[in-house]
Structure formats: C-alpha cells, structure tokens
C-alpha atoms as a PDB file:
ATOM      1  CA  MET A   1     -28.759 -28.244  37.875  1.00  0.00           C
ATOM      2  CA  ASN A   2     -26.875 -25.638  39.801  1.00  0.00           C
ATOM      3  CA  CYS A   3     -23.558 -24.188  38.722  1.00  0.00           C
ATOM      4  CA  ASN A   4     -21.524 -26.305  41.133  1.00  0.00           C
ATOM      5  CA  VAL A   5     -22.759 -29.478  39.744  1.00  0.00           C
ATOM      6  CA  ILE A   6     -22.223 -28.398  36.169  1.00  0.00           C
ATOM      7  CA  LYS A   7     -18.639 -27.363  37.008  1.00  0.00           C
ATOM      8  CA  ASP A   8     -18.052 -30.860  38.368  1.00  0.00           C
ATOM      9  CA  LEU A   9     -19.459 -32.380  35.178  1.00  0.00           C
ATOM     10  CA  LEU A  10     -17.422 -30.170  32.799  1.00  0.00           C
ATOM     11  CA  PRO A  11     -14.239 -32.341  32.893  1.00  0.00           C
ATOM     12  CA  LEU A  12     -16.437 -35.338  31.960  1.00  0.00           C
ATOM     13  CA  TYR A  13     -18.280 -33.290  29.310  1.00  0.00           C
ATOM     14  CA  ILE A  14     -14.931 -32.227  27.763  1.00  0.00           C
ATOM     15  CA  ASP A  15     -13.500 -35.769  27.704  1.00  0.00           C
ATOM     16  CA  ASP A  16     -16.931 -37.017  26.306  1.00  0.00           C
ATOM     17  CA  CYS A  17     -17.259 -39.469  29.287  1.00  0.00           C
ATOM     18  CA  CYS A  18     -20.637 -38.481  30.548  1.00  0.00           C
ATOM     19  CA  SER A  19     -23.998 -39.818  29.558  1.00  0.00           C
ATOM     20  CA  ASP A  20     -26.267 -38.260  26.807  1.00  0.00           C
ATOM     21  CA  GLU A  21     -28.569 -36.946  29.524  1.00  0.00           C
ATOM     22  CA  SER A  22     -25.751 -35.223  31.442  1.00  0.00           C
ATOM     23  CA  ARG A  23     -24.313 -33.807  28.201  1.00  0.00           C
ATOM     24  CA  ALA A  24     -27.793 -32.332  27.388  1.00  0.00           C
ATOM     25  CA  GLU A  25     -28.059 -30.841  30.809  1.00  0.00           C
ATOM     26  CA  VAL A  26     -24.574 -29.270  30.627  1.00  0.00           C
ATOM     27  CA  GLU A  27     -25.181 -27.747  27.229  1.00  0.00           C
ATOM     28  CA  ASN A  28     -28.627 -26.404  28.151  1.00  0.00           C
ATOM     29  CA  HIS A  29     -27.078 -24.897  31.272  1.00  0.00           C
ATOM     30  CA  ILE A  30     -24.174 -23.288  29.452  1.00  0.00           C
ATOM     31  CA  ASP A  31     -26.482 -21.671  26.946  1.00  0.00           C
ATOM     32  CA  ASN A  32     -28.107 -19.857  29.796  1.00  0.00           C
ATOM     33  CA  CYS A  33     -25.155 -19.287  32.193  1.00  0.00           C
ATOM     34  CA  ALA A  34     -22.341 -16.901  31.164  1.00  0.00           C
ATOM     35  CA  GLU A  35     -20.231 -17.856  34.172  1.00  0.00           C
ATOM     36  CA  CYS A  36     -20.220 -21.606  33.418  1.00  0.00           C
ATOM     37  CA  LYS A  37     -19.798 -20.933  29.661  1.00  0.00           C
ATOM     38  CA  LYS A  38     -16.683 -18.922  30.529  1.00  0.00           C
ATOM     39  CA  VAL A  39     -15.358 -21.723  32.769  1.00  0.00           C
ATOM     40  CA  LEU A  40     -15.741 -24.204  29.868  1.00  0.00           C
ATOM     41  CA  GLU A  41     -13.938 -21.860  27.493  1.00  0.00           C
ATOM     42  CA  ASN A  42     -11.086 -21.481  29.871  1.00  0.00           C
ATOM     43  CA  MET A  43     -10.859 -25.247  30.326  1.00  0.00           C
ATOM     44  CA  THR A  44     -10.957 -25.992  26.571  1.00  0.00           C
ATOM     45  CA  GLY A  45      -9.031 -22.991  25.400  1.00  0.00           C
ATOM     46  CA  THR A  46     -11.688 -22.169  22.887  1.00  0.00           C
ATOM     47  CA  VAL A  47     -12.467 -18.609  21.667  1.00  0.00           C
ATOM     48  CA  THR A  48     -15.984 -17.316  21.267  1.00  0.00           C
ATOM     49  CA  LYS A  49     -17.173 -16.184  17.887  1.00  0.00           C
ATOM     50  CA  GLU A  50     -17.522 -12.625  19.319  1.00  0.00           C
ATOM     51  CA  GLU A  51     -13.944 -12.645  20.582  1.00  0.00           C
ATOM     52  CA  MET A  52     -12.633 -13.951  17.226  1.00  0.00           C
ATOM     53  CA  ASN A  53     -14.471 -11.276  15.309  1.00  0.00           C
ATOM     54  CA  PHE A  54     -13.126  -8.726  17.726  1.00  0.00           C
ATOM     55  CA  GLU A  55      -9.538  -9.910  17.058  1.00  0.00           C
ATOM     56  CA  ILE A  56     -10.077  -9.967  13.293  1.00  0.00           C
ATOM     57  CA  LYS A  57     -11.499  -6.389  13.343  1.00  0.00           C
ATOM     58  CA  ASN A  58      -8.464  -5.222  15.499  1.00  0.00           C
ATOM     59  CA  CYS A  59      -6.065  -6.919  13.061  1.00  0.00           C
ATOM     60  CA  SER A  60      -7.872  -5.296  10.084  1.00  0.00           C
ATOM     61  CA  ARG A  61      -7.859  -1.943  11.804  1.00  0.00           C
ATOM     62  CA  ILE A  62      -4.085  -2.060  12.409  1.00  0.00           C
ATOM     63  CA  ASN A  63      -3.292  -3.230   8.889  1.00  0.00           C
ATOM     64  CA  TYR A  64      -5.487  -0.397   7.443  1.00  0.00           C
ATOM     65  CA  TRP A  65      -3.626   2.114   9.629  1.00  0.00           C
ATOM     66  CA  LYS A  66      -0.309   0.687   8.363  1.00  0.00           C
ATOM     67  CA  ALA A  67      -1.482   0.911   4.775  1.00  0.00           C
ATOM     68  CA  SER A  68      -2.701   4.438   5.293  1.00  0.00           C
ATOM     69  CA  THR A  69       0.657   5.397   6.836  1.00  0.00           C
ATOM     70  CA  LEU A  70       2.691   3.839   4.002  1.00  0.00           C
ATOM     71  CA  GLN A  71       0.582   5.838   1.398  1.00  0.00           C
ATOM     72  CA  SER A  72       0.942   9.134   3.385  1.00  0.00           C
ATOM     73  CA  VAL A  73       4.662   8.666   3.774  1.00  0.00           C
ATOM     74  CA  LEU A  74       5.086   8.094   0.016  1.00  0.00           C
ATOM     75  CA  LEU A  75       2.865  11.132  -0.821  1.00  0.00           C
ATOM     76  CA  LEU A  76       4.928  13.285   1.514  1.00  0.00           C
ATOM     77  CA  ALA A  77       8.222  12.048   0.171  1.00  0.00           C
ATOM     78  CA  SER A  78       7.306  12.664  -3.477  1.00  0.00           C
ATOM     79  CA  PHE A  79       5.903  16.127  -2.476  1.00  0.00           C
ATOM     80  CA  LEU A  80       9.208  17.005  -0.760  1.00  0.00           C
ATOM     81  CA  LEU A  81      11.127  15.848  -3.718  1.00  0.00           C
ATOM     82  CA  ILE A  82       9.041  18.071  -5.928  1.00  0.00           C
ATOM     83  CA  ILE A  83       9.853  21.007  -3.709  1.00  0.00           C
ATOM     84  CA  VAL A  84      13.545  20.233  -4.021  1.00  0.00           C
ATOM     85  CA  GLY A  85      13.174  20.080  -7.828  1.00  0.00           C
ATOM     86  CA  VAL A  86      11.313  23.437  -7.914  1.00  0.00           C
ATOM     87  CA  TYR A  87      14.025  24.995  -5.672  1.00  0.00           C
ATOM     88  CA  PHE A  88      16.807  24.088  -8.154  1.00  0.00           C
ATOM     89  CA  GLU A  89      14.725  24.949 -11.145  1.00  0.00           C
ATOM     90  CA  ALA A  90      14.126  28.433  -9.721  1.00  0.00           C
ATOM     91  CA  GLY A  91      17.898  29.043  -9.629  1.00  0.00           C
ATOM     92  CA  THR A  92      18.254  28.756 -13.456  1.00  0.00           C
ATOM     93  CA  ASP A  93      17.851  31.477 -16.031  1.00  0.00           C
ATOM     94  CA  TYR A  94      15.298  31.246 -18.661  1.00  0.00           C
ATOM     95  CA  ILE A  95      17.929  31.636 -21.466  1.00  0.00           C
ATOM     96  CA  ASP A  96      20.203  29.141 -19.754  1.00  0.00           C
ATOM     97  CA  PHE A  97      20.427  25.613 -21.182  1.00  0.00           C
ATOM     98  CA  GLY A  98      19.904  24.344 -17.610  1.00  0.00           C
ATOM     99  CA  ASN A  99      16.460  25.889 -17.707  1.00  0.00           C
ATOM    100  CA  GLY A 100      13.962  22.971 -17.405  1.00  0.00           C
ATOM    101  CA  LEU A 101      16.528  20.257 -16.447  1.00  0.00           C
ATOM    102  CA  ALA A 102      15.690  20.301 -12.798  1.00  0.00           C
ATOM    103  CA  ALA A 103      12.042  19.833 -13.795  1.00  0.00           C
ATOM    104  CA  PHE A 104      12.893  17.016 -16.154  1.00  0.00           C
ATOM    105  CA  ASN A 105      15.154  15.121 -13.772  1.00  0.00           C
ATOM    106  CA  ILE A 106      13.403  15.671 -10.347  1.00  0.00           C
ATOM    107  CA  VAL A 107       9.997  17.297 -10.563  1.00  0.00           C
ATOM    108  CA  VAL A 108       8.554  15.273 -13.409  1.00  0.00           C
ATOM    109  CA  PRO A 109       9.324  11.752 -12.042  1.00  0.00           C
ATOM    110  CA  ALA A 110       8.257  12.773  -8.570  1.00  0.00           C
ATOM    111  CA  THR A 111       5.017  14.237  -9.786  1.00  0.00           C
ATOM    112  CA  GLY A 112       4.332  11.056 -11.930  1.00  0.00           C
ATOM    113  CA  PHE A 113       4.810   8.902  -8.840  1.00  0.00           C
ATOM    114  CA  MET A 114       2.794  11.103  -6.615  1.00  0.00           C
ATOM    115  CA  ILE A 115      -0.112  11.176  -8.989  1.00  0.00           C
ATOM    116  CA  SER A 116      -0.074   7.427  -9.485  1.00  0.00           C
ATOM    117  CA  LEU A 117      -0.529   7.085  -5.667  1.00  0.00           C
ATOM    118  CA  ILE A 118      -4.036   8.511  -6.064  1.00  0.00           C
ATOM    119  CA  ASN A 119      -4.897   5.150  -7.779  1.00  0.00           C
ATOM    120  CA  TRP A 120      -4.242   3.455  -4.445  1.00  0.00           C
ATOM    121  CA  TYR A 121      -7.600   4.977  -3.146  1.00  0.00           C
ATOM    122  CA  PHE A 122      -9.436   2.878  -5.762  1.00  0.00           C
ATOM    123  CA  ILE A 123      -7.882  -0.499  -4.845  1.00  0.00           C
ATOM    124  CA  ARG A 124     -11.280  -2.081  -4.268  1.00  0.00           C
ATOM    125  CA  LEU A 125     -11.953  -1.732  -8.026  1.00  0.00           C
ATOM    126  CA  TYR A 126      -9.206  -4.136  -8.927  1.00  0.00           C
ATOM    127  CA  LYS A 127      -9.691  -7.893  -9.355  1.00  0.00           C
ATOM    128  CA  ASN A 128      -6.586  -8.882  -7.381  1.00  0.00           C
ATOM    129  CA  LYS A 129      -3.288  -7.760  -6.030  1.00  0.00           C
ATOM    130  CA  LYS A 130      -1.318  -8.659  -9.129  1.00  0.00           C
ATOM    131  CA  VAL A 131      -3.453  -6.582 -11.434  1.00  0.00           C
ATOM    132  CA  PHE A 132      -3.430  -3.691  -9.016  1.00  0.00           C
ATOM    133  CA  SER A 133       0.383  -3.695  -8.777  1.00  0.00           C
ATOM    134  CA  TRP A 134       0.918  -3.843 -12.538  1.00  0.00           C
ATOM    135  CA  CYS A 135      -1.621  -1.157 -13.225  1.00  0.00           C
ATOM    136  CA  SER A 136       0.069   1.063 -10.497  1.00  0.00           C
ATOM    137  CA  CYS A 137       3.409   0.537 -12.323  1.00  0.00           C
ATOM    138  CA  ALA A 138       1.955   1.310 -15.689  1.00  0.00           C
ATOM    139  CA  LEU A 139       0.124   4.404 -14.400  1.00  0.00           C
ATOM    140  CA  THR A 140       3.319   5.703 -12.967  1.00  0.00           C
ATOM    141  CA  LEU A 141       5.128   5.343 -16.338  1.00  0.00           C
ATOM    142  CA  PHE A 142       2.157   6.810 -18.289  1.00  0.00           C
ATOM    143  CA  VAL A 143       1.708   9.910 -16.009  1.00  0.00           C
ATOM    144  CA  THR A 144       5.539  10.496 -16.099  1.00  0.00           C
ATOM    145  CA  LEU A 145       5.728  10.216 -19.838  1.00  0.00           C
ATOM    146  CA  CYS A 146       2.945  12.635 -20.313  1.00  0.00           C
ATOM    147  CA  ALA A 147       4.623  15.080 -17.902  1.00  0.00           C
ATOM    148  CA  PHE A 148       7.902  14.745 -19.883  1.00  0.00           C
ATOM    149  CA  VAL A 149       6.047  15.650 -23.138  1.00  0.00           C
ATOM    150  CA  TRP A 150       4.267  18.539 -21.539  1.00  0.00           C
ATOM    151  CA  SER A 151       7.584  19.846 -20.151  1.00  0.00           C
ATOM    152  CA  LEU A 152       9.282  19.811 -23.594  1.00  0.00           C
ATOM    153  CA  PHE A 153       6.571  22.133 -24.840  1.00  0.00           C
ATOM    154  CA  HIS A 154       6.531  24.274 -21.720  1.00  0.00           C
ATOM    155  CA  TYR A 155      10.126  24.928 -21.670  1.00  0.00           C
ATOM    156  CA  GLU A 156      10.345  25.046 -25.490  1.00  0.00           C
ATOM    157  CA  MET A 157      13.153  22.540 -25.588  1.00  0.00           C
ATOM    158  CA  ASN A 158      14.236  20.933 -28.818  1.00  0.00           C
ATOM    159  CA  PRO A 159      16.585  18.088 -27.914  1.00  0.00           C
ATOM    160  CA  LEU A 160      17.868  17.820 -31.601  1.00  0.00           C
ATOM    161  CA  VAL A 161      19.000  21.386 -31.494  1.00  0.00           C
ATOM    162  CA  LEU A 162      20.159  21.540 -27.949  1.00  0.00           C
ATOM    163  CA  LEU A 163      22.139  18.317 -27.683  1.00  0.00           C
ATOM    164  CA  GLY A 164      23.924  18.175 -31.011  1.00  0.00           C
ATOM    165  CA  GLY A 165      23.418  16.914 -34.597  1.00  0.00           C
ATOM    166  CA  THR A 166      24.745  13.410 -34.605  1.00  0.00           C
ATOM    167  CA  PHE A 167      23.005  10.426 -33.120  1.00  0.00           C
ATOM    168  CA  VAL A 168      25.936   9.625 -30.813  1.00  0.00           C
ATOM    169  CA  ASP A 169      26.052  13.254 -29.499  1.00  0.00           C
ATOM    170  CA  PHE A 170      22.214  13.206 -29.120  1.00  0.00           C
ATOM    171  CA  PHE A 171      22.347   9.927 -27.153  1.00  0.00           C
ATOM    172  CA  GLU A 172      25.209  11.120 -24.900  1.00  0.00           C
ATOM    173  CA  GLY A 173      23.538  14.380 -24.390  1.00  0.00           C
ATOM    174  CA  ILE A 174      20.224  12.670 -23.361  1.00  0.00           C
ATOM    175  CA  LEU A 175      22.040  10.616 -20.795  1.00  0.00           C
ATOM    176  CA  PHE A 176      24.065  13.477 -19.536  1.00  0.00           C
ATOM    177  CA  SER A 177      21.146  15.883 -19.341  1.00  0.00           C
ATOM    178  CA  PHE A 178      18.245  13.711 -18.496  1.00  0.00           C
ATOM    179  CA  GLY A 179      19.996  10.685 -16.955  1.00  0.00           C
ATOM    180  CA  ILE A 180      18.797  11.289 -13.342  1.00  0.00           C
ATOM    181  CA  GLY A 181      15.235  11.765 -14.643  1.00  0.00           C
ATOM    182  CA  ILE A 182      15.327   8.426 -16.570  1.00  0.00           C
ATOM    183  CA  PHE A 183      16.787   6.637 -13.525  1.00  0.00           C
ATOM    184  CA  LEU A 184      14.228   8.154 -11.181  1.00  0.00           C
ATOM    185  CA  THR A 185      11.423   7.225 -13.535  1.00  0.00           C
ATOM    186  CA  ALA A 186      12.536   3.617 -13.679  1.00  0.00           C
ATOM    187  CA  LEU A 187      13.035   3.550  -9.914  1.00  0.00           C
ATOM    188  CA  PHE A 188       9.576   4.960  -9.109  1.00  0.00           C
ATOM    189  CA  ALA A 189       7.967   2.512 -11.533  1.00  0.00           C
ATOM    190  CA  VAL A 190       9.642  -0.380  -9.742  1.00  0.00           C
ATOM    191  CA  LEU A 191       8.666   1.021  -6.363  1.00  0.00           C
ATOM    192  CA  SER A 192       5.167   1.649  -7.424  1.00  0.00           C
ATOM    193  CA  LYS A 193       4.840  -2.079  -8.388  1.00  0.00           C
ATOM    194  CA  VAL A 194       6.466  -3.470  -5.298  1.00  0.00           C
ATOM    195  CA  LEU A 195       4.934  -1.080  -2.693  1.00  0.00           C
ATOM    196  CA  SER A 196       1.426  -1.238  -4.250  1.00  0.00           C
ATOM    197  CA  ALA A 197       1.545  -5.089  -3.947  1.00  0.00           C
ATOM    198  CA  PHE A 198       2.631  -4.719  -0.258  1.00  0.00           C
ATOM    199  CA  TYR A 199      -0.123  -2.114   0.233  1.00  0.00           C
ATOM    200  CA  ALA A 200      -2.712  -4.447  -1.294  1.00  0.00           C
ATOM    201  CA  LYS A 201      -1.570  -7.347   0.874  1.00  0.00           C
ATOM    202  CA  MET A 202      -1.991  -5.258   4.081  1.00  0.00           C
ATOM    203  CA  LEU A 203      -5.541  -4.485   3.024  1.00  0.00           C
ATOM    204  CA  GLY A 204      -6.290  -8.206   2.424  1.00  0.00           C
ATOM    205  CA  LYS A 205      -6.306  -8.044  -1.332  1.00  0.00           C
ATOM    206  CA  GLU A 206      -5.508 -11.558  -2.703  1.00  0.00           C
END
C-alpha cells in the first residue's frame, strides 16, 4: 500500500475499526515509513522511545547542572566566610585575649561546613537520600569539633583560666566568647542536612 492509502486508514486503525488484514498492513508500512509513522504519532499524541529518552536526558542534565551550581555556591560562600574570619583574626594581637576568637567563631564553623561539602562528590556511595543527609550533618559536626580542638591547642587557649574560675563565669564566658561559633556550627549542621537532601533529590537519589 502507498502512503496515501495508509493515511486514509490511520483514523480507522487508531479507533480499532479496521480489519486484521488492514491493521497488519498499516503496522508493516509504519515500521518502514518514517513519514507515516510521524503522522500516526501526531494523530495519537504518542512520544517515541527515542524522544522520551532525549527528554529524560535533558531533564537529568538540567538537574545535574542545578546540583553542581548549588554545591559551587555553598563552597564559595563558606570560603568567603573563612576569608572574613581570617581578616578579623589578623587584626588581633597575639597577647590579646581576642586572639583566636575570630577563628573559633567564624573560620572554624565555615571550614567544617566547607570540608563536609566534599562528601557530596561521593553521593553515589550512599544507600539513599536519608542516609546521605544524616551523614552530611554528622560529618559537618565532626569536622567542626575536630577543628575546635585543634584551635585550642594552636592558640594555646585554656578556657578554665581565661574565662574565670566558677562554673557560672565559665558558662557565661563560653557563650559570650564563643556564642557566634556555637550558633554557626548548629546552623551549618542543619543547613548541611537540609541542603544535602535537596542536592540528592536533584540527582535522583531516592
């Protein structure tokens, strides 16, 4: 059958009103005629497997770009925050009590968050989105805590001596001196969990 006859039969083929012989002829022709196959697709509104795969690939590519952008923005933001902390830290004297406070309150939390973002490159190793997000949060806290301990030794700070003898004075001194760092650490831990889950979702992690 030629294309004109097939095109006349297509409405009957779609409505399943043609004979088995005509149906077989139409299907055989469509398998070998791209033009008539396209006409059938336009009439039925169907999408070919190739077109569907193309759309899925485009969607995946866009999501991957968004995920990469999110990670890059967070890395840049944390790096800029570290620079700010280093700038303020450079303005303190070594013998001054303020020495190391900018590092504790700004540099350390920002560094812990930035290092934890490296874990996002290994998202494929995690079983699911939930495990990944909790591990990201835990890693942020762990790295930050290690950085706090290192800073204590690096700046030779003894909180018991610097902040007073009584427990109340010590507690108030901790909040006054390191309150911003504690707040940023908690904030970055929450952000790490929430944003890592969002990141995983964009990459199709269930």
